[in-house]
Structures are given as C-alpha cells and as structure tokens.
Amino acid sequence: MRDALINLRALPEQRDLIDYAASLLGKNRSDFMLEVACERAQTVILDRVFFGLDAEKFKQFSDLLDAPKTPNAGLARLMEVKAPWQEGSE
C-alpha cells in the first residue's frame, strides 16, 4: 500500500504532456510519474556504481588494482583521524 505522499507543481503544458504520455501507456498520471521517476533514479544510481570498459581499458584497470600498494602519507594521516562519533576523539 502506498502511503508516502509526494507533491510537485508543474506548468499546465508539462501536466498535459505527462497526461498524454500516461494515456498512451494506459496509465494514470501518478502511476506513470512514479514509474518514470523510479526508472530515472535507478539509472542515476547505477551510473555511479557501474561503468563499462572495453577489453584494453579493463586490462589497464585490472593491472592498476593488482599493482603493489605504494606508500601514501596523506592517506595514512587520514586513517589516523578519529571520527567525531568515536570515543576519545578530540
């Protein structure tokens, strides 16, 4: 059961466009907008998580991941800093 309310304002032309597209798919405005917004949200999230590489670029990427670690003083300092919620941080 849907119980979360989402409100938004649109220009009449935008509403009409959305209504027309929804009607072409046999959907009401709310179902259409929710479906399209969720599809777009998933795309945005996946774009931040997954990326595609051709075989050559994937080999370069894998080689970088497999390479021995090199010392990084800045990262070492960062890892020593306690988070504000950790006990004894000051």
N, C-alpha and C. Protein backbone atom coordinates (compact mmCIF):
# COMPACT_ATOMS: atom_id res chain seq x y z
N MET A 1 0.85 -1.18 0.00
CA MET A 1 0.00 0.00 0.00
C MET A 1 0.89 1.24 0.00
N ARG A 2 0.60 2.13 -0.89
CA ARG A 2 1.36 3.38 -0.97
C ARG A 2 0.84 4.34 0.09
N ASP A 3 1.74 4.82 0.92
CA ASP A 3 1.30 5.77 1.94
C ASP A 3 2.22 6.99 2.05
N ALA A 4 3.26 7.06 1.24
CA ALA A 4 4.14 8.22 1.24
C ALA A 4 3.64 9.21 0.19
N LEU A 5 3.48 10.43 0.59
CA LEU A 5 2.95 11.47 -0.29
C LEU A 5 4.09 12.24 -0.93
N ILE A 6 4.00 12.44 -2.24
CA ILE A 6 4.96 13.27 -2.98
C ILE A 6 4.15 14.33 -3.71
N ASN A 7 4.46 15.58 -3.46
CA ASN A 7 3.77 16.69 -4.12
C ASN A 7 4.74 17.41 -5.03
N LEU A 8 4.25 17.87 -6.17
CA LEU A 8 5.06 18.72 -7.01
C LEU A 8 4.16 19.59 -7.88
N ARG A 9 4.70 20.71 -8.25
CA ARG A 9 3.97 21.64 -9.10
C ARG A 9 4.57 21.59 -10.49
N ALA A 10 3.70 21.76 -11.48
CA ALA A 10 4.14 21.72 -12.88
C ALA A 10 3.39 22.79 -13.65
N LEU A 11 3.97 23.16 -14.77
CA LEU A 11 3.24 24.03 -15.70
C LEU A 11 2.11 23.23 -16.34
N PRO A 12 1.04 23.89 -16.72
CA PRO A 12 -0.05 23.16 -17.37
C PRO A 12 0.41 22.36 -18.59
N GLU A 13 1.34 22.94 -19.34
CA GLU A 13 1.85 22.22 -20.52
C GLU A 13 2.59 20.94 -20.13
N GLN A 14 3.33 21.00 -19.03
CA GLN A 14 4.03 19.81 -18.56
C GLN A 14 3.04 18.75 -18.10
N ARG A 15 2.03 19.18 -17.35
CA ARG A 15 1.00 18.25 -16.89
C ARG A 15 0.31 17.59 -18.07
N ASP A 16 -0.02 18.39 -19.09
CA ASP A 16 -0.70 17.85 -20.27
C ASP A 16 0.18 16.84 -21.01
N LEU A 17 1.45 17.14 -21.11
CA LEU A 17 2.38 16.23 -21.76
C LEU A 17 2.46 14.91 -21.01
N ILE A 18 2.58 15.00 -19.69
CA ILE A 18 2.65 13.81 -18.85
C ILE A 18 1.35 13.01 -18.96
N ASP A 19 0.23 13.69 -18.90
CA ASP A 19 -1.05 13.01 -19.02
C ASP A 19 -1.20 12.30 -20.35
N TYR A 20 -0.76 12.95 -21.42
CA TYR A 20 -0.86 12.34 -22.75
C TYR A 20 0.02 11.09 -22.83
N ALA A 21 1.27 11.19 -22.36
CA ALA A 21 2.16 10.04 -22.37
C ALA A 21 1.61 8.90 -21.52
N ALA A 22 1.07 9.24 -20.36
CA ALA A 22 0.49 8.22 -19.49
C ALA A 22 -0.69 7.53 -20.18
N SER A 23 -1.52 8.31 -20.85
CA SER A 23 -2.68 7.72 -21.52
C SER A 23 -2.26 6.79 -22.65
N LEU A 24 -1.17 7.10 -23.33
CA LEU A 24 -0.67 6.22 -24.39
C LEU A 24 -0.26 4.85 -23.85
N LEU A 25 0.14 4.83 -22.58
CA LEU A 25 0.53 3.57 -21.95
C LEU A 25 -0.58 2.96 -21.11
N GLY A 26 -1.76 3.61 -21.11
CA GLY A 26 -2.88 3.10 -20.33
C GLY A 26 -2.68 3.26 -18.83
N LYS A 27 -1.95 4.28 -18.44
CA LYS A 27 -1.68 4.52 -17.02
C LYS A 27 -2.27 5.85 -16.59
N ASN A 28 -2.46 6.00 -15.30
CA ASN A 28 -2.85 7.31 -14.79
C ASN A 28 -1.60 8.13 -14.52
N ARG A 29 -1.79 9.40 -14.28
CA ARG A 29 -0.64 10.32 -14.10
C ARG A 29 0.27 9.87 -12.97
N SER A 30 -0.30 9.52 -11.82
CA SER A 30 0.53 9.14 -10.67
C SER A 30 1.36 7.90 -10.95
N ASP A 31 0.73 6.87 -11.50
CA ASP A 31 1.46 5.64 -11.80
C ASP A 31 2.57 5.89 -12.82
N PHE A 32 2.25 6.67 -13.84
CA PHE A 32 3.24 6.99 -14.87
C PHE A 32 4.42 7.75 -14.27
N MET A 33 4.13 8.80 -13.51
CA MET A 33 5.20 9.62 -12.94
C MET A 33 6.05 8.82 -11.96
N LEU A 34 5.43 8.00 -11.15
CA LEU A 34 6.18 7.20 -10.19
C LEU A 34 7.08 6.20 -10.91
N GLU A 35 6.55 5.55 -11.94
CA GLU A 35 7.33 4.59 -12.69
C GLU A 35 8.53 5.25 -13.38
N VAL A 36 8.29 6.37 -14.05
CA VAL A 36 9.35 7.07 -14.76
C VAL A 36 10.39 7.62 -13.79
N ALA A 37 9.95 8.19 -12.68
CA ALA A 37 10.89 8.74 -11.69
C ALA A 37 11.75 7.63 -11.09
N CYS A 38 11.16 6.49 -10.81
CA CYS A 38 11.94 5.38 -10.25
C CYS A 38 12.93 4.83 -11.27
N GLU A 39 12.53 4.72 -12.53
CA GLU A 39 13.45 4.27 -13.57
C GLU A 39 14.64 5.22 -13.67
N ARG A 40 14.37 6.51 -13.65
CA ARG A 40 15.45 7.51 -13.75
C ARG A 40 16.34 7.46 -12.52
N ALA A 41 15.74 7.30 -11.35
CA ALA A 41 16.52 7.22 -10.11
C ALA A 41 17.45 6.02 -10.15
N GLN A 42 16.97 4.88 -10.62
CA GLN A 42 17.81 3.69 -10.73
C GLN A 42 18.96 3.93 -11.70
N THR A 43 18.68 4.59 -12.81
CA THR A 43 19.72 4.88 -13.79
C THR A 43 20.81 5.77 -13.19
N VAL A 44 20.40 6.80 -12.47
CA VAL A 44 21.37 7.71 -11.84
C VAL A 44 22.23 6.95 -10.84
N ILE A 45 21.62 6.11 -10.04
CA ILE A 45 22.36 5.34 -9.03
C ILE A 45 23.31 4.37 -9.70
N LEU A 46 22.84 3.64 -10.71
CA LEU A 46 23.69 2.68 -11.40
C LEU A 46 24.86 3.36 -12.11
N ASP A 47 24.64 4.56 -12.62
CA ASP A 47 25.73 5.29 -13.27
C ASP A 47 26.85 5.61 -12.29
N ARG A 48 26.54 5.67 -11.02
CA ARG A 48 27.56 5.95 -10.01
C ARG A 48 28.25 4.68 -9.52
N VAL A 49 27.66 3.53 -9.81
CA VAL A 49 28.16 2.27 -9.29
C VAL A 49 28.86 1.44 -10.36
N PHE A 50 28.27 1.37 -11.54
CA PHE A 50 28.79 0.53 -12.61
C PHE A 50 29.37 1.37 -13.73
N PHE A 51 30.41 0.88 -14.35
CA PHE A 51 30.96 1.55 -15.51
C PHE A 51 31.47 0.48 -16.47
N GLY A 52 31.39 0.77 -17.74
CA GLY A 52 31.80 -0.19 -18.75
C GLY A 52 33.16 0.15 -19.33
N LEU A 53 33.94 -0.88 -19.61
CA LEU A 53 35.26 -0.70 -20.21
C LEU A 53 35.43 -1.70 -21.34
N ASP A 54 36.13 -1.28 -22.38
CA ASP A 54 36.48 -2.26 -23.41
C ASP A 54 37.60 -3.14 -22.85
N ALA A 55 37.97 -4.18 -23.59
CA ALA A 55 38.94 -5.16 -23.10
C ALA A 55 40.28 -4.53 -22.73
N GLU A 56 40.75 -3.60 -23.54
CA GLU A 56 42.04 -2.97 -23.27
C GLU A 56 42.00 -2.12 -22.01
N LYS A 57 40.95 -1.31 -21.88
CA LYS A 57 40.82 -0.47 -20.68
C LYS A 57 40.61 -1.32 -19.43
N PHE A 58 39.87 -2.42 -19.57
CA PHE A 58 39.67 -3.31 -18.42
C PHE A 58 41.00 -3.91 -17.96
N LYS A 59 41.84 -4.29 -18.90
CA LYS A 59 43.15 -4.84 -18.56
C LYS A 59 43.98 -3.79 -17.82
N GLN A 60 43.98 -2.55 -18.30
CA GLN A 60 44.71 -1.47 -17.63
C GLN A 60 44.16 -1.26 -16.22
N PHE A 61 42.85 -1.26 -16.10
CA PHE A 61 42.20 -1.07 -14.80
C PHE A 61 42.58 -2.21 -13.85
N SER A 62 42.51 -3.45 -14.33
CA SER A 62 42.87 -4.61 -13.51
C SER A 62 44.32 -4.56 -13.08
N ASP A 63 45.19 -4.15 -13.99
CA ASP A 63 46.61 -4.05 -13.65
C ASP A 63 46.84 -3.03 -12.54
N LEU A 64 46.12 -1.91 -12.60
CA LEU A 64 46.25 -0.90 -11.54
C LEU A 64 45.77 -1.44 -10.20
N LEU A 65 44.67 -2.19 -10.22
CA LEU A 65 44.16 -2.76 -8.97
C LEU A 65 45.10 -3.82 -8.41
N ASP A 66 45.75 -4.56 -9.29
CA ASP A 66 46.64 -5.64 -8.86
C ASP A 66 48.05 -5.17 -8.52
N ALA A 67 48.38 -3.95 -8.88
CA ALA A 67 49.74 -3.43 -8.64
C ALA A 67 50.00 -3.34 -7.14
N PRO A 68 51.26 -3.49 -6.74
CA PRO A 68 51.59 -3.36 -5.32
C PRO A 68 51.21 -1.97 -4.80
N LYS A 69 50.85 -1.93 -3.56
CA LYS A 69 50.49 -0.65 -2.94
C LYS A 69 51.74 0.22 -2.80
N THR A 70 51.53 1.50 -2.98
CA THR A 70 52.62 2.44 -2.77
C THR A 70 52.29 3.28 -1.54
N PRO A 71 53.29 3.65 -0.78
CA PRO A 71 53.04 4.46 0.42
C PRO A 71 52.35 5.78 0.06
N ASN A 72 51.44 6.18 0.91
CA ASN A 72 50.70 7.42 0.69
C ASN A 72 50.56 8.09 2.05
N ALA A 73 51.42 9.07 2.30
CA ALA A 73 51.45 9.74 3.60
C ALA A 73 50.12 10.42 3.92
N GLY A 74 49.52 11.03 2.94
CA GLY A 74 48.24 11.70 3.17
C GLY A 74 47.15 10.73 3.60
N LEU A 75 47.08 9.59 2.94
CA LEU A 75 46.09 8.59 3.30
C LEU A 75 46.37 8.02 4.69
N ALA A 76 47.63 7.81 5.01
CA ALA A 76 47.99 7.30 6.34
C ALA A 76 47.54 8.28 7.42
N ARG A 77 47.77 9.58 7.21
CA ARG A 77 47.31 10.60 8.18
C ARG A 77 45.80 10.59 8.31
N LEU A 78 45.11 10.49 7.18
CA LEU A 78 43.65 10.49 7.19
C LEU A 78 43.11 9.30 7.98
N MET A 79 43.72 8.16 7.82
CA MET A 79 43.24 6.96 8.52
C MET A 79 43.47 7.04 10.02
N GLU A 80 44.38 7.91 10.47
CA GLU A 80 44.64 8.07 11.90
C GLU A 80 43.65 9.01 12.58
N VAL A 81 42.92 9.79 11.81
CA VAL A 81 41.97 10.74 12.37
C VAL A 81 40.72 9.99 12.84
N LYS A 82 40.33 10.24 14.07
CA LYS A 82 39.14 9.59 14.62
C LYS A 82 37.89 10.36 14.17
N ALA A 83 36.85 9.61 13.89
CA ALA A 83 35.57 10.21 13.53
C ALA A 83 34.97 10.86 14.76
N PRO A 84 34.18 11.91 14.60
CA PRO A 84 33.60 12.63 15.75
C PRO A 84 32.80 11.71 16.68
N TRP A 85 32.23 10.64 16.16
CA TRP A 85 31.40 9.77 16.97
C TRP A 85 32.22 8.68 17.67
N GLN A 86 33.52 8.61 17.38
CA GLN A 86 34.35 7.61 18.03
C GLN A 86 34.74 8.10 19.43
N GLU A 87 34.79 7.18 20.34
CA GLU A 87 35.12 7.50 21.72
C GLU A 87 36.53 8.10 21.81
N GLY A 88 36.70 9.13 22.60
CA GLY A 88 38.02 9.71 22.84
C GLY A 88 38.53 10.58 21.70
N SER A 89 37.67 10.94 20.75
CA SER A 89 38.15 11.80 19.66
C SER A 89 38.16 13.25 20.10
N GLU A 90 39.19 13.95 19.77
CA GLU A 90 39.28 15.37 20.12
C GLU A 90 40.14 16.09 19.15
